Amino acid sequence: AQVHFAVNCASVGCPPLRSEVYAANKIDEQLADNLLLAFNTPRHLRIEDGTLYLSSLFDWYALDFTRQSGDILDFIKTHASEDIAVKLNGNLRVNYIEYDWRLNQPANFPEL
């Protein structure tokens, strides 16, 4: 499931581009880093007014996330920062963020 936040499809809706290549000797660290980075950008995850907004990747590949963790919220809690994880609960409504198909380039990620 983590690979969905590492494989890049060249659009803004994909995970942010890395400044380094993936390497076998540190792939687990790089995948964890990608998840933290994505979960801390409002393009991939945000909580507003009782609603959890998630990347469309969670909708499209829900089975991958639930297979790994049993539940999408559990997957996020496992891989998100503690600040985000403590805000997640079953009372949140879930909406999916409209996927942004613009070119994934640094200029389209001013927050990074």
N, C-alpha and C. Protein backbone atom coordinates (compact mmCIF):
# COMPACT_ATOMS: atom_id res chain seq x y z
N ALA A 1 0.82 -1.20 0.00
CA ALA A 1 0.00 0.00 0.00
C ALA A 1 0.87 1.27 0.00
N GLN A 2 2.01 1.21 0.65
CA GLN A 2 2.87 2.39 0.71
C GLN A 2 3.35 2.83 -0.66
N VAL A 3 3.43 1.89 -1.57
CA VAL A 3 3.94 2.20 -2.90
C VAL A 3 3.07 3.23 -3.62
N HIS A 4 1.79 3.31 -3.26
CA HIS A 4 0.91 4.30 -3.90
C HIS A 4 1.34 5.74 -3.59
N PHE A 5 2.11 5.90 -2.52
CA PHE A 5 2.62 7.23 -2.19
C PHE A 5 4.10 7.38 -2.56
N ALA A 6 4.57 6.46 -3.38
CA ALA A 6 5.94 6.53 -3.87
C ALA A 6 5.99 6.54 -5.39
N VAL A 7 5.16 5.71 -6.01
CA VAL A 7 5.13 5.67 -7.47
C VAL A 7 4.55 6.98 -7.96
N ASN A 8 5.24 7.58 -8.88
CA ASN A 8 4.82 8.89 -9.33
C ASN A 8 4.23 8.84 -10.72
N CYS A 9 3.09 9.47 -10.88
CA CYS A 9 2.39 9.46 -12.17
C CYS A 9 2.52 10.78 -12.91
N ALA A 10 3.36 11.66 -12.43
CA ALA A 10 3.65 12.95 -13.07
C ALA A 10 2.53 13.97 -12.96
N SER A 11 1.61 13.78 -12.01
CA SER A 11 0.59 14.80 -11.78
C SER A 11 0.67 15.28 -10.34
N VAL A 12 0.11 16.44 -10.08
CA VAL A 12 0.15 17.04 -8.74
C VAL A 12 -0.56 16.15 -7.72
N GLY A 13 -1.57 15.42 -8.14
CA GLY A 13 -2.29 14.53 -7.24
C GLY A 13 -1.46 13.37 -6.74
N CYS A 14 -0.37 13.09 -7.42
CA CYS A 14 0.56 12.04 -6.99
C CYS A 14 1.39 12.54 -5.81
N PRO A 15 2.14 11.64 -5.20
CA PRO A 15 3.04 12.07 -4.12
C PRO A 15 4.03 13.12 -4.63
N PRO A 16 4.49 14.00 -3.76
CA PRO A 16 5.51 14.98 -4.18
C PRO A 16 6.75 14.27 -4.71
N LEU A 17 7.38 14.88 -5.67
CA LEU A 17 8.61 14.32 -6.24
C LEU A 17 9.72 14.32 -5.20
N ARG A 18 10.49 13.26 -5.17
CA ARG A 18 11.65 13.16 -4.27
C ARG A 18 12.85 13.79 -4.94
N SER A 19 13.78 14.25 -4.13
CA SER A 19 15.02 14.82 -4.67
C SER A 19 16.11 13.77 -4.78
N GLU A 20 15.78 12.51 -4.51
CA GLU A 20 16.74 11.43 -4.60
C GLU A 20 16.06 10.19 -5.19
N VAL A 21 16.85 9.27 -5.71
CA VAL A 21 16.30 8.04 -6.25
C VAL A 21 16.06 7.05 -5.11
N TYR A 22 15.16 6.11 -5.35
CA TYR A 22 14.93 5.06 -4.37
C TYR A 22 16.12 4.10 -4.40
N ALA A 23 16.52 3.66 -3.22
CA ALA A 23 17.66 2.76 -3.10
C ALA A 23 17.27 1.57 -2.22
N ALA A 24 17.68 0.39 -2.62
CA ALA A 24 17.31 -0.84 -1.92
C ALA A 24 17.69 -0.81 -0.45
N ASN A 25 18.82 -0.22 -0.14
CA ASN A 25 19.30 -0.24 1.25
C ASN A 25 18.55 0.73 2.17
N LYS A 26 17.68 1.58 1.60
CA LYS A 26 16.92 2.48 2.46
C LYS A 26 15.48 2.68 1.97
N ILE A 27 14.96 1.72 1.23
CA ILE A 27 13.63 1.85 0.66
C ILE A 27 12.55 1.98 1.73
N ASP A 28 12.65 1.24 2.82
CA ASP A 28 11.62 1.33 3.88
C ASP A 28 11.59 2.74 4.47
N GLU A 29 12.77 3.29 4.71
CA GLU A 29 12.86 4.67 5.23
C GLU A 29 12.29 5.67 4.22
N GLN A 30 12.59 5.49 2.97
CA GLN A 30 12.11 6.41 1.93
C GLN A 30 10.58 6.32 1.79
N LEU A 31 10.03 5.12 1.85
CA LEU A 31 8.58 4.96 1.75
C LEU A 31 7.89 5.62 2.95
N ALA A 32 8.44 5.41 4.14
CA ALA A 32 7.87 6.04 5.34
C ALA A 32 7.95 7.56 5.24
N ASP A 33 9.05 8.06 4.73
CA ASP A 33 9.23 9.50 4.55
C ASP A 33 8.21 10.06 3.55
N ASN A 34 7.98 9.34 2.47
CA ASN A 34 6.98 9.78 1.48
C ASN A 34 5.59 9.88 2.09
N LEU A 35 5.24 8.89 2.90
CA LEU A 35 3.92 8.92 3.53
C LEU A 35 3.80 10.11 4.47
N LEU A 36 4.81 10.35 5.29
CA LEU A 36 4.77 11.51 6.18
C LEU A 36 4.63 12.81 5.40
N LEU A 37 5.41 12.92 4.35
CA LEU A 37 5.36 14.12 3.53
C LEU A 37 3.98 14.31 2.91
N ALA A 38 3.45 13.26 2.31
CA ALA A 38 2.13 13.35 1.68
C ALA A 38 1.04 13.65 2.71
N PHE A 39 1.09 12.97 3.86
CA PHE A 39 0.06 13.17 4.88
C PHE A 39 0.13 14.54 5.52
N ASN A 40 1.21 15.25 5.32
CA ASN A 40 1.33 16.61 5.87
C ASN A 40 1.12 17.68 4.81
N THR A 41 0.58 17.29 3.66
CA THR A 41 0.21 18.27 2.64
C THR A 41 -1.30 18.22 2.47
N PRO A 42 -1.95 19.36 2.44
CA PRO A 42 -3.42 19.38 2.31
C PRO A 42 -3.90 18.82 0.98
N ARG A 43 -3.01 18.59 0.05
CA ARG A 43 -3.40 17.98 -1.23
C ARG A 43 -3.68 16.50 -1.07
N HIS A 44 -3.20 15.90 0.02
CA HIS A 44 -3.34 14.45 0.21
C HIS A 44 -4.13 14.08 1.45
N LEU A 45 -4.13 14.94 2.45
CA LEU A 45 -4.86 14.65 3.69
C LEU A 45 -5.04 15.94 4.46
N ARG A 46 -6.27 16.18 4.89
CA ARG A 46 -6.53 17.32 5.78
C ARG A 46 -7.82 17.06 6.54
N ILE A 47 -7.96 17.70 7.67
CA ILE A 47 -9.16 17.59 8.50
C ILE A 47 -9.72 18.99 8.67
N GLU A 48 -10.99 19.15 8.28
CA GLU A 48 -11.66 20.45 8.39
C GLU A 48 -13.10 20.23 8.82
N ASP A 49 -13.51 20.89 9.88
CA ASP A 49 -14.91 20.89 10.31
C ASP A 49 -15.53 19.49 10.38
N GLY A 50 -14.84 18.58 11.02
CA GLY A 50 -15.38 17.23 11.21
C GLY A 50 -15.31 16.34 9.98
N THR A 51 -14.59 16.77 8.96
CA THR A 51 -14.46 15.97 7.74
C THR A 51 -12.98 15.67 7.48
N LEU A 52 -12.71 14.43 7.19
CA LEU A 52 -11.38 13.99 6.80
C LEU A 52 -11.34 13.95 5.28
N TYR A 53 -10.52 14.79 4.71
CA TYR A 53 -10.35 14.83 3.26
C TYR A 53 -9.11 14.01 2.92
N LEU A 54 -9.30 13.02 2.06
CA LEU A 54 -8.22 12.12 1.70
C LEU A 54 -7.94 12.17 0.21
N SER A 55 -6.71 11.90 -0.15
CA SER A 55 -6.33 11.75 -1.54
C SER A 55 -7.23 10.71 -2.20
N SER A 56 -7.55 10.93 -3.45
CA SER A 56 -8.33 9.94 -4.22
C SER A 56 -7.62 8.60 -4.28
N LEU A 57 -6.31 8.57 -4.03
CA LEU A 57 -5.58 7.30 -4.00
C LEU A 57 -6.21 6.34 -2.99
N PHE A 58 -6.73 6.88 -1.88
CA PHE A 58 -7.36 6.04 -0.87
C PHE A 58 -8.67 5.45 -1.36
N ASP A 59 -9.34 6.14 -2.25
CA ASP A 59 -10.57 5.65 -2.83
C ASP A 59 -10.26 4.60 -3.90
N TRP A 60 -9.37 4.94 -4.80
CA TRP A 60 -9.05 4.07 -5.92
C TRP A 60 -8.39 2.75 -5.49
N TYR A 61 -7.57 2.81 -4.45
CA TYR A 61 -6.80 1.64 -4.02
C TYR A 61 -7.16 1.22 -2.60
N ALA A 62 -8.41 1.42 -2.21
CA ALA A 62 -8.85 1.14 -0.84
C ALA A 62 -8.51 -0.28 -0.40
N LEU A 63 -8.68 -1.24 -1.28
CA LEU A 63 -8.41 -2.63 -0.92
C LEU A 63 -6.96 -2.84 -0.51
N ASP A 64 -6.03 -2.16 -1.15
CA ASP A 64 -4.61 -2.29 -0.78
C ASP A 64 -4.37 -1.78 0.64
N PHE A 65 -5.00 -0.66 0.98
CA PHE A 65 -4.79 -0.09 2.32
C PHE A 65 -5.47 -0.93 3.39
N THR A 66 -6.67 -1.44 3.09
CA THR A 66 -7.37 -2.24 4.09
C THR A 66 -6.74 -3.62 4.24
N ARG A 67 -6.18 -4.16 3.18
CA ARG A 67 -5.47 -5.44 3.28
C ARG A 67 -4.27 -5.32 4.21
N GLN A 68 -3.57 -4.20 4.12
CA GLN A 68 -2.37 -4.03 4.93
C GLN A 68 -2.70 -3.74 6.38
N SER A 69 -3.72 -2.90 6.62
CA SER A 69 -3.96 -2.43 7.98
C SER A 69 -5.35 -2.73 8.51
N GLY A 70 -6.23 -3.30 7.69
CA GLY A 70 -7.57 -3.61 8.14
C GLY A 70 -8.55 -2.47 7.94
N ASP A 71 -8.03 -1.25 7.91
CA ASP A 71 -8.88 -0.07 7.83
C ASP A 71 -8.01 1.09 7.33
N ILE A 72 -8.58 1.95 6.53
CA ILE A 72 -7.81 3.08 6.00
C ILE A 72 -7.35 4.00 7.13
N LEU A 73 -8.21 4.25 8.12
CA LEU A 73 -7.79 5.11 9.24
C LEU A 73 -6.63 4.48 9.99
N ASP A 74 -6.65 3.17 10.17
CA ASP A 74 -5.54 2.51 10.85
C ASP A 74 -4.25 2.64 10.05
N PHE A 75 -4.35 2.54 8.73
CA PHE A 75 -3.17 2.72 7.88
C PHE A 75 -2.61 4.12 8.08
N ILE A 76 -3.47 5.12 8.04
CA ILE A 76 -3.02 6.50 8.20
C ILE A 76 -2.41 6.72 9.57
N LYS A 77 -3.08 6.24 10.61
CA LYS A 77 -2.56 6.40 11.98
C LYS A 77 -1.17 5.79 12.13
N THR A 78 -0.95 4.67 11.48
CA THR A 78 0.34 3.98 11.56
C THR A 78 1.45 4.78 10.90
N HIS A 79 1.12 5.53 9.85
CA HIS A 79 2.15 6.18 9.05
C HIS A 79 2.17 7.70 9.14
N ALA A 80 1.19 8.29 9.79
CA ALA A 80 1.12 9.76 9.89
C ALA A 80 1.89 10.25 11.11
N SER A 81 2.10 11.55 11.14
CA SER A 81 2.70 12.15 12.33
C SER A 81 1.72 12.02 13.49
N GLU A 82 2.22 12.11 14.69
CA GLU A 82 1.35 11.99 15.86
C GLU A 82 0.30 13.10 15.89
N ASP A 83 0.66 14.30 15.42
CA ASP A 83 -0.30 15.41 15.37
C ASP A 83 -1.54 15.06 14.57
N ILE A 84 -1.35 14.35 13.48
CA ILE A 84 -2.48 13.96 12.63
C ILE A 84 -3.16 12.73 13.22
N ALA A 85 -2.40 11.75 13.63
CA ALA A 85 -2.96 10.49 14.13
C ALA A 85 -3.93 10.71 15.29
N VAL A 86 -3.64 11.63 16.19
CA VAL A 86 -4.52 11.84 17.35
C VAL A 86 -5.85 12.49 16.95
N LYS A 87 -5.92 13.10 15.79
CA LYS A 87 -7.15 13.75 15.33
C LYS A 87 -8.09 12.79 14.61
N LEU A 88 -7.59 11.61 14.28
CA LEU A 88 -8.39 10.66 13.50
C LEU A 88 -9.28 9.84 14.42
N ASN A 89 -10.55 9.82 14.10
CA ASN A 89 -11.50 9.00 14.86
C ASN A 89 -12.66 8.61 13.95
N GLY A 90 -13.45 7.70 14.42
CA GLY A 90 -14.57 7.19 13.63
C GLY A 90 -15.69 8.19 13.43
N ASN A 91 -15.64 9.33 14.10
CA ASN A 91 -16.71 10.33 13.96
C ASN A 91 -16.50 11.25 12.77
N LEU A 92 -15.36 11.17 12.13
CA LEU A 92 -15.08 12.04 10.99
C LEU A 92 -15.79 11.54 9.74
N ARG A 93 -16.40 12.46 9.02
CA ARG A 93 -16.91 12.12 7.69
C ARG A 93 -15.70 12.03 6.77
N VAL A 94 -15.77 11.22 5.75
CA VAL A 94 -14.66 11.08 4.80
C VAL A 94 -15.11 11.57 3.43
N ASN A 95 -14.33 12.47 2.88
CA ASN A 95 -14.51 12.92 1.50
C ASN A 95 -13.17 12.76 0.80
N TYR A 96 -13.23 12.56 -0.50
CA TYR A 96 -12.01 12.41 -1.27
C TYR A 96 -11.70 13.70 -2.03
N ILE A 97 -10.46 14.08 -1.99
CA ILE A 97 -9.99 15.30 -2.64
C ILE A 97 -9.97 15.08 -4.15
N GLU A 98 -10.50 16.03 -4.88
CA GLU A 98 -10.48 15.91 -6.34
C GLU A 98 -9.03 15.82 -6.80
N TYR A 99 -8.76 14.84 -7.62
CA TYR A 99 -7.40 14.59 -8.07
C TYR A 99 -6.94 15.72 -8.98
N ASP A 100 -5.74 16.18 -8.75
CA ASP A 100 -5.16 17.29 -9.52
C ASP A 100 -4.24 16.71 -10.58
N TRP A 101 -4.64 16.82 -11.84
CA TRP A 101 -3.89 16.21 -12.94
C TRP A 101 -2.85 17.14 -13.55
N ARG A 102 -2.64 18.34 -12.95
CA ARG A 102 -1.58 19.22 -13.47
C ARG A 102 -0.23 18.55 -13.30
N LEU A 103 0.76 19.04 -14.04
CA LEU A 103 2.10 18.47 -14.01
C LEU A 103 2.72 18.55 -12.62
N ASN A 104 3.25 17.43 -12.15
CA ASN A 104 3.91 17.34 -10.85
C ASN A 104 5.32 17.92 -11.00
N GLN A 105 5.45 19.16 -10.62
CA GLN A 105 6.74 19.84 -10.68
C GLN A 105 6.84 20.75 -9.47
N PRO A 106 8.04 21.10 -9.04
CA PRO A 106 8.21 21.90 -7.83
C PRO A 106 7.37 23.17 -7.80
N ALA A 107 7.20 23.83 -8.91
CA ALA A 107 6.44 25.09 -8.95
C ALA A 107 4.98 24.88 -8.54
N ASN A 108 4.46 23.68 -8.68
CA ASN A 108 3.08 23.39 -8.29
C ASN A 108 2.95 22.93 -6.84
N PHE A 109 4.05 22.96 -6.10
CA PHE A 109 4.06 22.61 -4.69
C PHE A 109 4.72 23.72 -3.87
N PRO A 110 4.15 24.92 -3.86
CA PRO A 110 4.80 26.01 -3.13
C PRO A 110 4.95 25.75 -1.64
N GLU A 111 4.09 24.88 -1.06
CA GLU A 111 4.19 24.59 0.38
C GLU A 111 5.40 23.76 0.73
N LEU A 112 6.04 23.15 -0.26
CA LEU A 112 7.22 22.33 0.00
C LEU A 112 8.44 23.14 -0.28
